Amino acid sequence: MDIYENNKLCSIGYKLSFAKEFRLDTRDIPEHLDVPTAKYAVQRYLKRNDKLLRKLVPESYALRLASGKVRARRLVCVSSAEKLELPGNWAELKLVVDARGITVQRLRLTLDYPDQCARKRFTSSTISSWTPEDGGTGTV
């Protein structure tokens, strides 16, 4: 990702990884989907999603430069499964942003929009309940 600092073009690197306990939840989807295919689809989606990366990469960079005790930021992103090129109607990604980069913990594919009351309430830091489809109208 390129950013401008003092009128100079700078590049901030980030690491996209998957948690050791990465979970793929496809209970509602009749088609079989293996984990390597899902990981590849998530990786392609995140690399092509500039709006989401514009929020997450500077956050990770700020955590790298922070002094003292810093906490990882958690984010749940809901998107159309079609954008990930996966079966189903909706895809819910659980991401963790920390000083090392962006870690994908879970991918859940559903036919219905994910129930917001079913999961723990998200406590916002500098990122809140923003999704790429909001077009910048969500709270950030």
N, C-alpha and C. Protein backbone atom coordinates (compact mmCIF):
# COMPACT_ATOMS: atom_id res chain seq x y z
N MET A 1 0.85 -1.17 0.00
CA MET A 1 0.00 0.00 0.00
C MET A 1 0.89 1.22 0.00
N ASP A 2 0.60 2.18 -0.84
CA ASP A 2 1.38 3.40 -0.92
C ASP A 2 0.69 4.50 -0.13
N ILE A 3 1.48 5.25 0.62
CA ILE A 3 0.95 6.42 1.33
C ILE A 3 1.88 7.59 1.05
N TYR A 4 1.40 8.78 1.30
CA TYR A 4 2.21 9.98 1.12
C TYR A 4 2.52 10.56 2.48
N GLU A 5 3.79 10.79 2.73
CA GLU A 5 4.23 11.39 3.97
C GLU A 5 5.21 12.50 3.63
N ASN A 6 4.88 13.71 4.03
CA ASN A 6 5.69 14.89 3.72
C ASN A 6 5.93 15.02 2.21
N ASN A 7 4.88 14.82 1.45
CA ASN A 7 4.91 14.91 -0.02
C ASN A 7 5.86 13.90 -0.67
N LYS A 8 6.22 12.85 0.03
CA LYS A 8 7.05 11.79 -0.54
C LYS A 8 6.23 10.51 -0.55
N LEU A 9 6.39 9.75 -1.60
CA LEU A 9 5.67 8.49 -1.71
C LEU A 9 6.38 7.43 -0.88
N CYS A 10 5.67 6.85 0.06
CA CYS A 10 6.24 5.81 0.93
C CYS A 10 5.41 4.55 0.76
N SER A 11 5.99 3.45 1.04
CA SER A 11 5.30 2.18 0.96
C SER A 11 5.27 1.54 2.34
N ILE A 12 4.10 1.11 2.77
CA ILE A 12 3.97 0.41 4.03
C ILE A 12 3.67 -1.04 3.71
N GLY A 13 4.49 -1.91 4.20
CA GLY A 13 4.25 -3.34 3.98
C GLY A 13 3.34 -3.90 5.05
N TYR A 14 2.70 -4.99 4.73
CA TYR A 14 1.87 -5.67 5.71
C TYR A 14 1.96 -7.16 5.44
N LYS A 15 1.69 -7.94 6.46
CA LYS A 15 1.73 -9.39 6.33
C LYS A 15 0.32 -9.91 6.51
N LEU A 16 -0.14 -10.66 5.54
CA LEU A 16 -1.45 -11.29 5.61
C LEU A 16 -1.22 -12.76 5.94
N SER A 17 -1.80 -13.20 7.05
CA SER A 17 -1.60 -14.59 7.46
C SER A 17 -2.91 -15.17 7.95
N PHE A 18 -2.89 -16.47 8.15
CA PHE A 18 -4.04 -17.19 8.67
C PHE A 18 -3.67 -17.79 10.02
N ALA A 19 -4.60 -17.74 10.95
CA ALA A 19 -4.35 -18.28 12.28
C ALA A 19 -4.13 -19.79 12.20
N LYS A 20 -3.36 -20.31 13.16
CA LYS A 20 -3.13 -21.76 13.20
C LYS A 20 -4.45 -22.51 13.36
N GLU A 21 -5.38 -21.91 14.10
CA GLU A 21 -6.69 -22.51 14.31
C GLU A 21 -7.75 -21.87 13.40
N PHE A 22 -7.36 -21.61 12.14
CA PHE A 22 -8.30 -21.02 11.17
C PHE A 22 -9.51 -21.93 11.04
N ARG A 23 -10.70 -21.33 11.13
CA ARG A 23 -11.94 -22.11 11.04
C ARG A 23 -12.71 -21.72 9.80
N LEU A 24 -13.21 -22.72 9.13
CA LEU A 24 -14.07 -22.53 7.97
C LEU A 24 -15.43 -23.11 8.32
N ASP A 25 -16.45 -22.26 8.33
CA ASP A 25 -17.80 -22.68 8.70
C ASP A 25 -18.69 -22.60 7.47
N THR A 26 -19.11 -23.77 6.96
CA THR A 26 -19.97 -23.82 5.78
C THR A 26 -21.20 -24.69 6.04
N ARG A 27 -21.75 -24.61 7.23
CA ARG A 27 -22.89 -25.47 7.59
C ARG A 27 -24.10 -25.28 6.67
N ASP A 28 -24.36 -24.04 6.27
CA ASP A 28 -25.55 -23.75 5.46
C ASP A 28 -25.34 -24.04 3.98
N ILE A 29 -24.12 -24.25 3.56
CA ILE A 29 -23.80 -24.38 2.14
C ILE A 29 -23.76 -25.86 1.77
N PRO A 30 -24.54 -26.28 0.77
CA PRO A 30 -24.54 -27.70 0.40
C PRO A 30 -23.26 -28.14 -0.34
N GLU A 31 -22.59 -27.22 -1.04
CA GLU A 31 -21.38 -27.60 -1.78
C GLU A 31 -20.23 -27.83 -0.83
N HIS A 32 -19.36 -28.77 -1.19
CA HIS A 32 -18.17 -29.03 -0.39
C HIS A 32 -17.09 -28.01 -0.73
N LEU A 33 -16.45 -27.46 0.28
CA LEU A 33 -15.40 -26.47 0.09
C LEU A 33 -14.25 -26.83 1.01
N ASP A 34 -13.06 -26.99 0.44
CA ASP A 34 -11.91 -27.34 1.28
C ASP A 34 -11.21 -26.08 1.77
N VAL A 35 -10.40 -26.24 2.81
CA VAL A 35 -9.75 -25.11 3.48
C VAL A 35 -8.75 -24.39 2.58
N PRO A 36 -7.88 -25.07 1.81
CA PRO A 36 -6.95 -24.33 0.95
C PRO A 36 -7.64 -23.43 -0.07
N THR A 37 -8.76 -23.88 -0.61
CA THR A 37 -9.51 -23.06 -1.57
C THR A 37 -10.08 -21.83 -0.89
N ALA A 38 -10.61 -22.00 0.31
CA ALA A 38 -11.17 -20.88 1.06
C ALA A 38 -10.08 -19.87 1.42
N LYS A 39 -8.92 -20.36 1.83
CA LYS A 39 -7.81 -19.46 2.17
C LYS A 39 -7.37 -18.66 0.95
N TYR A 40 -7.30 -19.33 -0.19
CA TYR A 40 -6.90 -18.64 -1.42
C TYR A 40 -7.91 -17.55 -1.79
N ALA A 41 -9.20 -17.86 -1.65
CA ALA A 41 -10.25 -16.89 -1.98
C ALA A 41 -10.18 -15.68 -1.04
N VAL A 42 -9.96 -15.91 0.23
CA VAL A 42 -9.87 -14.82 1.20
C VAL A 42 -8.64 -13.96 0.91
N GLN A 43 -7.54 -14.60 0.59
CA GLN A 43 -6.31 -13.88 0.28
C GLN A 43 -6.49 -12.99 -0.95
N ARG A 44 -7.12 -13.51 -2.00
CA ARG A 44 -7.37 -12.72 -3.21
C ARG A 44 -8.32 -11.56 -2.91
N TYR A 45 -9.35 -11.82 -2.11
CA TYR A 45 -10.32 -10.79 -1.79
C TYR A 45 -9.67 -9.64 -1.02
N LEU A 46 -8.87 -9.97 -0.01
CA LEU A 46 -8.25 -8.92 0.79
C LEU A 46 -7.20 -8.14 0.00
N LYS A 47 -6.47 -8.79 -0.87
CA LYS A 47 -5.47 -8.08 -1.67
C LYS A 47 -6.10 -7.15 -2.69
N ARG A 48 -7.32 -7.49 -3.17
CA ARG A 48 -7.98 -6.65 -4.17
C ARG A 48 -8.88 -5.59 -3.54
N ASN A 49 -9.10 -5.63 -2.24
CA ASN A 49 -10.03 -4.72 -1.57
C ASN A 49 -9.26 -3.52 -1.01
N ASP A 50 -9.10 -2.49 -1.83
CA ASP A 50 -8.33 -1.32 -1.42
C ASP A 50 -8.97 -0.56 -0.27
N LYS A 51 -10.30 -0.49 -0.23
CA LYS A 51 -10.97 0.24 0.84
C LYS A 51 -10.67 -0.37 2.20
N LEU A 52 -10.71 -1.68 2.26
CA LEU A 52 -10.45 -2.36 3.52
C LEU A 52 -8.98 -2.24 3.91
N LEU A 53 -8.09 -2.39 2.94
CA LEU A 53 -6.66 -2.28 3.24
C LEU A 53 -6.27 -0.87 3.66
N ARG A 54 -6.95 0.15 3.13
CA ARG A 54 -6.67 1.53 3.55
C ARG A 54 -6.99 1.76 5.02
N LYS A 55 -7.85 0.94 5.58
CA LYS A 55 -8.18 1.04 7.01
C LYS A 55 -7.25 0.17 7.85
N LEU A 56 -6.96 -1.05 7.38
CA LEU A 56 -6.25 -2.02 8.20
C LEU A 56 -4.74 -1.84 8.22
N VAL A 57 -4.14 -1.52 7.08
CA VAL A 57 -2.68 -1.43 7.01
C VAL A 57 -2.13 -0.29 7.87
N PRO A 58 -2.67 0.93 7.80
CA PRO A 58 -2.18 1.98 8.71
C PRO A 58 -2.40 1.65 10.18
N GLU A 59 -3.48 0.94 10.47
CA GLU A 59 -3.74 0.52 11.86
C GLU A 59 -2.63 -0.43 12.34
N SER A 60 -2.26 -1.37 11.51
CA SER A 60 -1.18 -2.30 11.85
C SER A 60 0.15 -1.56 11.99
N TYR A 61 0.37 -0.62 11.10
CA TYR A 61 1.61 0.17 11.14
C TYR A 61 1.67 1.01 12.42
N ALA A 62 0.55 1.58 12.82
CA ALA A 62 0.50 2.37 14.05
C ALA A 62 0.77 1.49 15.27
N LEU A 63 0.30 0.26 15.25
CA LEU A 63 0.56 -0.66 16.36
C LEU A 63 2.04 -1.05 16.41
N ARG A 64 2.68 -1.13 15.24
CA ARG A 64 4.11 -1.43 15.20
C ARG A 64 4.93 -0.32 15.84
N LEU A 65 4.49 0.91 15.65
CA LEU A 65 5.25 2.05 16.17
C LEU A 65 4.86 2.45 17.59
N ALA A 66 3.77 1.88 18.10
CA ALA A 66 3.29 2.25 19.44
C ALA A 66 4.24 1.74 20.51
N SER A 67 4.39 2.51 21.54
CA SER A 67 5.23 2.09 22.65
C SER A 67 4.36 1.62 23.80
N GLY A 68 4.91 0.79 24.63
CA GLY A 68 4.14 0.29 25.76
C GLY A 68 3.30 -0.91 25.37
N LYS A 69 2.30 -1.16 26.18
CA LYS A 69 1.43 -2.32 25.97
C LYS A 69 0.36 -1.98 24.93
N VAL A 70 0.34 -2.72 23.83
CA VAL A 70 -0.66 -2.48 22.79
C VAL A 70 -1.49 -3.74 22.60
N ARG A 71 -2.73 -3.54 22.27
CA ARG A 71 -3.64 -4.67 22.08
C ARG A 71 -3.98 -4.81 20.61
N ALA A 72 -4.15 -6.04 20.21
CA ALA A 72 -4.58 -6.31 18.85
C ALA A 72 -6.02 -5.84 18.67
N ARG A 73 -6.35 -5.39 17.48
CA ARG A 73 -7.70 -4.93 17.16
C ARG A 73 -8.43 -6.04 16.43
N ARG A 74 -9.68 -6.25 16.78
CA ARG A 74 -10.49 -7.29 16.16
C ARG A 74 -11.54 -6.64 15.27
N LEU A 75 -11.83 -7.29 14.16
CA LEU A 75 -12.78 -6.74 13.20
C LEU A 75 -13.56 -7.87 12.57
N VAL A 76 -14.85 -7.67 12.43
CA VAL A 76 -15.70 -8.62 11.71
C VAL A 76 -16.17 -7.91 10.44
N CYS A 77 -15.89 -8.51 9.32
CA CYS A 77 -16.22 -7.93 8.02
C CYS A 77 -17.23 -8.83 7.32
N VAL A 78 -18.35 -8.27 6.92
CA VAL A 78 -19.38 -9.02 6.20
C VAL A 78 -19.41 -8.53 4.77
N SER A 79 -19.35 -9.47 3.84
CA SER A 79 -19.34 -9.12 2.44
C SER A 79 -20.15 -10.16 1.66
N SER A 80 -20.46 -9.81 0.45
CA SER A 80 -21.14 -10.76 -0.42
C SER A 80 -20.18 -11.90 -0.77
N ALA A 81 -20.64 -13.13 -0.70
CA ALA A 81 -19.78 -14.29 -1.02
C ALA A 81 -19.37 -14.28 -2.48
N GLU A 82 -20.15 -13.62 -3.30
CA GLU A 82 -19.83 -13.50 -4.72
C GLU A 82 -18.52 -12.75 -4.93
N LYS A 83 -18.24 -11.77 -4.07
CA LYS A 83 -16.99 -11.00 -4.19
C LYS A 83 -15.77 -11.84 -3.84
N LEU A 84 -15.97 -12.88 -3.03
CA LEU A 84 -14.89 -13.80 -2.69
C LEU A 84 -14.85 -14.97 -3.67
N GLU A 85 -15.81 -15.01 -4.58
CA GLU A 85 -15.95 -16.09 -5.56
C GLU A 85 -16.13 -17.43 -4.87
N LEU A 86 -16.99 -17.43 -3.83
CA LEU A 86 -17.28 -18.63 -3.07
C LEU A 86 -18.78 -18.89 -3.09
N PRO A 87 -19.21 -20.14 -2.81
CA PRO A 87 -20.65 -20.43 -2.80
C PRO A 87 -21.33 -19.78 -1.60
N GLY A 88 -22.63 -19.62 -1.70
CA GLY A 88 -23.40 -18.99 -0.63
C GLY A 88 -23.73 -17.55 -0.99
N ASN A 89 -24.42 -16.88 -0.08
CA ASN A 89 -24.81 -15.49 -0.31
C ASN A 89 -23.95 -14.50 0.45
N TRP A 90 -23.55 -14.85 1.68
CA TRP A 90 -22.80 -13.93 2.53
C TRP A 90 -21.56 -14.59 3.08
N ALA A 91 -20.51 -13.81 3.23
CA ALA A 91 -19.26 -14.27 3.84
C ALA A 91 -18.94 -13.36 5.01
N GLU A 92 -18.64 -13.96 6.13
CA GLU A 92 -18.29 -13.21 7.33
C GLU A 92 -16.84 -13.56 7.70
N LEU A 93 -15.98 -12.55 7.70
CA LEU A 93 -14.57 -12.74 8.03
C LEU A 93 -14.28 -12.17 9.41
N LYS A 94 -13.57 -12.94 10.21
CA LYS A 94 -13.13 -12.44 11.50
C LYS A 94 -11.63 -12.19 11.38
N LEU A 95 -11.23 -10.92 11.52
CA LEU A 95 -9.85 -10.50 11.32
C LEU A 95 -9.27 -9.96 12.62
N VAL A 96 -7.96 -10.11 12.77
CA VAL A 96 -7.22 -9.52 13.88
C VAL A 96 -6.11 -8.69 13.28
N VAL A 97 -6.04 -7.42 13.69
CA VAL A 97 -4.99 -6.52 13.23
C VAL A 97 -4.06 -6.28 14.41
N ASP A 98 -2.79 -6.64 14.22
CA ASP A 98 -1.80 -6.43 15.26
C ASP A 98 -0.52 -5.90 14.65
N ALA A 99 0.54 -5.82 15.43
CA ALA A 99 1.80 -5.26 14.95
C ALA A 99 2.43 -6.11 13.85
N ARG A 100 2.12 -7.39 13.80
CA ARG A 100 2.68 -8.26 12.75
C ARG A 100 1.97 -8.11 11.43
N GLY A 101 0.72 -7.71 11.45
CA GLY A 101 -0.04 -7.56 10.21
C GLY A 101 -1.50 -7.92 10.42
N ILE A 102 -2.10 -8.53 9.40
CA ILE A 102 -3.51 -8.89 9.41
C ILE A 102 -3.61 -10.41 9.46
N THR A 103 -4.36 -10.92 10.43
CA THR A 103 -4.53 -12.35 10.59
C THR A 103 -6.00 -12.70 10.42
N VAL A 104 -6.28 -13.68 9.58
CA VAL A 104 -7.65 -14.15 9.36
C VAL A 104 -7.89 -15.31 10.31
N GLN A 105 -8.90 -15.19 11.17
CA GLN A 105 -9.19 -16.25 12.13
C GLN A 105 -10.32 -17.16 11.69
N ARG A 106 -11.32 -16.58 10.99
CA ARG A 106 -12.47 -17.41 10.65
C ARG A 106 -13.14 -16.90 9.39
N LEU A 107 -13.67 -17.82 8.62
CA LEU A 107 -14.51 -17.51 7.48
C LEU A 107 -15.79 -18.30 7.63
N ARG A 108 -16.91 -17.60 7.62
CA ARG A 108 -18.21 -18.26 7.72
C ARG A 108 -19.03 -17.89 6.50
N LEU A 109 -19.52 -18.90 5.80
CA LEU A 109 -20.37 -18.70 4.62
C LEU A 109 -21.80 -19.07 4.98
N THR A 110 -22.74 -18.17 4.67
CA THR A 110 -24.14 -18.40 5.01
C THR A 110 -25.03 -18.04 3.83
N LEU A 111 -26.25 -18.53 3.89
CA LEU A 111 -27.25 -18.17 2.88
C LEU A 111 -27.99 -16.90 3.30
N ASP A 112 -28.18 -16.71 4.60
CA ASP A 112 -28.85 -15.52 5.13
C ASP A 112 -27.81 -14.57 5.69
N TYR A 113 -28.18 -13.29 5.77
CA TYR A 113 -27.27 -12.30 6.34
C TYR A 113 -26.93 -12.69 7.77
N PRO A 114 -25.64 -12.66 8.18
CA PRO A 114 -25.26 -13.08 9.53
C PRO A 114 -25.99 -12.29 10.60
N ASP A 115 -26.48 -12.99 11.60
CA ASP A 115 -27.21 -12.37 12.70
C ASP A 115 -26.25 -11.58 13.57
N GLN A 116 -26.49 -10.30 13.72
CA GLN A 116 -25.60 -9.43 14.49
C GLN A 116 -25.70 -9.71 15.99
N CYS A 117 -26.83 -10.24 16.46
CA CYS A 117 -27.01 -10.48 17.89
C CYS A 117 -26.38 -11.79 18.33
N ALA A 118 -26.06 -12.67 17.39
CA ALA A 118 -25.57 -13.99 17.74
C ALA A 118 -24.12 -13.98 18.20
N ARG A 119 -23.36 -12.97 17.84
CA ARG A 119 -21.96 -12.94 18.24
C ARG A 119 -21.74 -11.88 19.30
N LYS A 120 -20.57 -11.93 19.92
CA LYS A 120 -20.23 -10.96 20.96
C LYS A 120 -20.24 -9.55 20.39
N ARG A 121 -20.61 -8.63 21.21
CA ARG A 121 -20.61 -7.23 20.77
C ARG A 121 -19.18 -6.78 20.51
N PHE A 122 -18.97 -6.08 19.41
CA PHE A 122 -17.65 -5.61 19.02
C PHE A 122 -17.34 -4.31 19.74
N THR A 123 -16.23 -4.27 20.45
CA THR A 123 -15.80 -3.06 21.12
C THR A 123 -14.86 -2.32 20.18
N SER A 124 -15.22 -1.12 19.84
CA SER A 124 -14.44 -0.41 18.82
C SER A 124 -13.17 0.16 19.39
N SER A 125 -12.18 0.23 18.50
CA SER A 125 -10.95 0.96 18.81
C SER A 125 -10.95 2.12 17.84
N THR A 126 -10.07 2.10 16.86
CA THR A 126 -10.14 3.10 15.82
C THR A 126 -10.91 2.55 14.63
N ILE A 127 -11.13 1.26 14.61
CA ILE A 127 -11.94 0.63 13.57
C ILE A 127 -13.21 0.14 14.25
N SER A 128 -14.35 0.38 13.67
CA SER A 128 -15.57 -0.13 14.28
C SER A 128 -16.31 -0.99 13.28
N SER A 129 -17.60 -0.86 13.21
CA SER A 129 -18.42 -1.77 12.42
C SER A 129 -18.46 -1.37 10.96
N TRP A 130 -17.35 -1.16 10.35
CA TRP A 130 -17.26 -0.74 8.96
C TRP A 130 -17.10 -1.95 8.07
N THR A 131 -17.80 -1.98 6.97
CA THR A 131 -17.61 -3.01 5.96
C THR A 131 -17.30 -2.33 4.64
N PRO A 132 -16.63 -3.01 3.71
CA PRO A 132 -16.27 -2.39 2.45
C PRO A 132 -17.47 -1.90 1.64
N GLU A 133 -18.63 -2.53 1.82
CA GLU A 133 -19.81 -2.16 1.06
C GLU A 133 -20.43 -0.86 1.53
N ASP A 134 -20.04 -0.38 2.75
CA ASP A 134 -20.61 0.85 3.27
C ASP A 134 -20.25 2.07 2.42
N GLY A 135 -19.14 1.98 1.71
CA GLY A 135 -18.71 3.10 0.89
C GLY A 135 -18.28 4.30 1.72
N GLY A 136 -17.77 4.02 2.92
CA GLY A 136 -17.27 5.10 3.74
C GLY A 136 -18.33 5.74 4.63
N THR A 137 -19.56 5.20 4.68
CA THR A 137 -20.60 5.81 5.49
C THR A 137 -20.68 5.20 6.88
N GLY A 138 -19.95 4.12 7.15
CA GLY A 138 -19.95 3.51 8.48
C GLY A 138 -19.13 4.31 9.45
N THR A 139 -19.24 3.98 10.73
CA THR A 139 -18.45 4.67 11.74
C THR A 139 -17.04 4.16 11.72
N VAL A 140 -16.11 5.07 11.63
CA VAL A 140 -14.69 4.69 11.61
C VAL A 140 -13.96 5.49 12.65
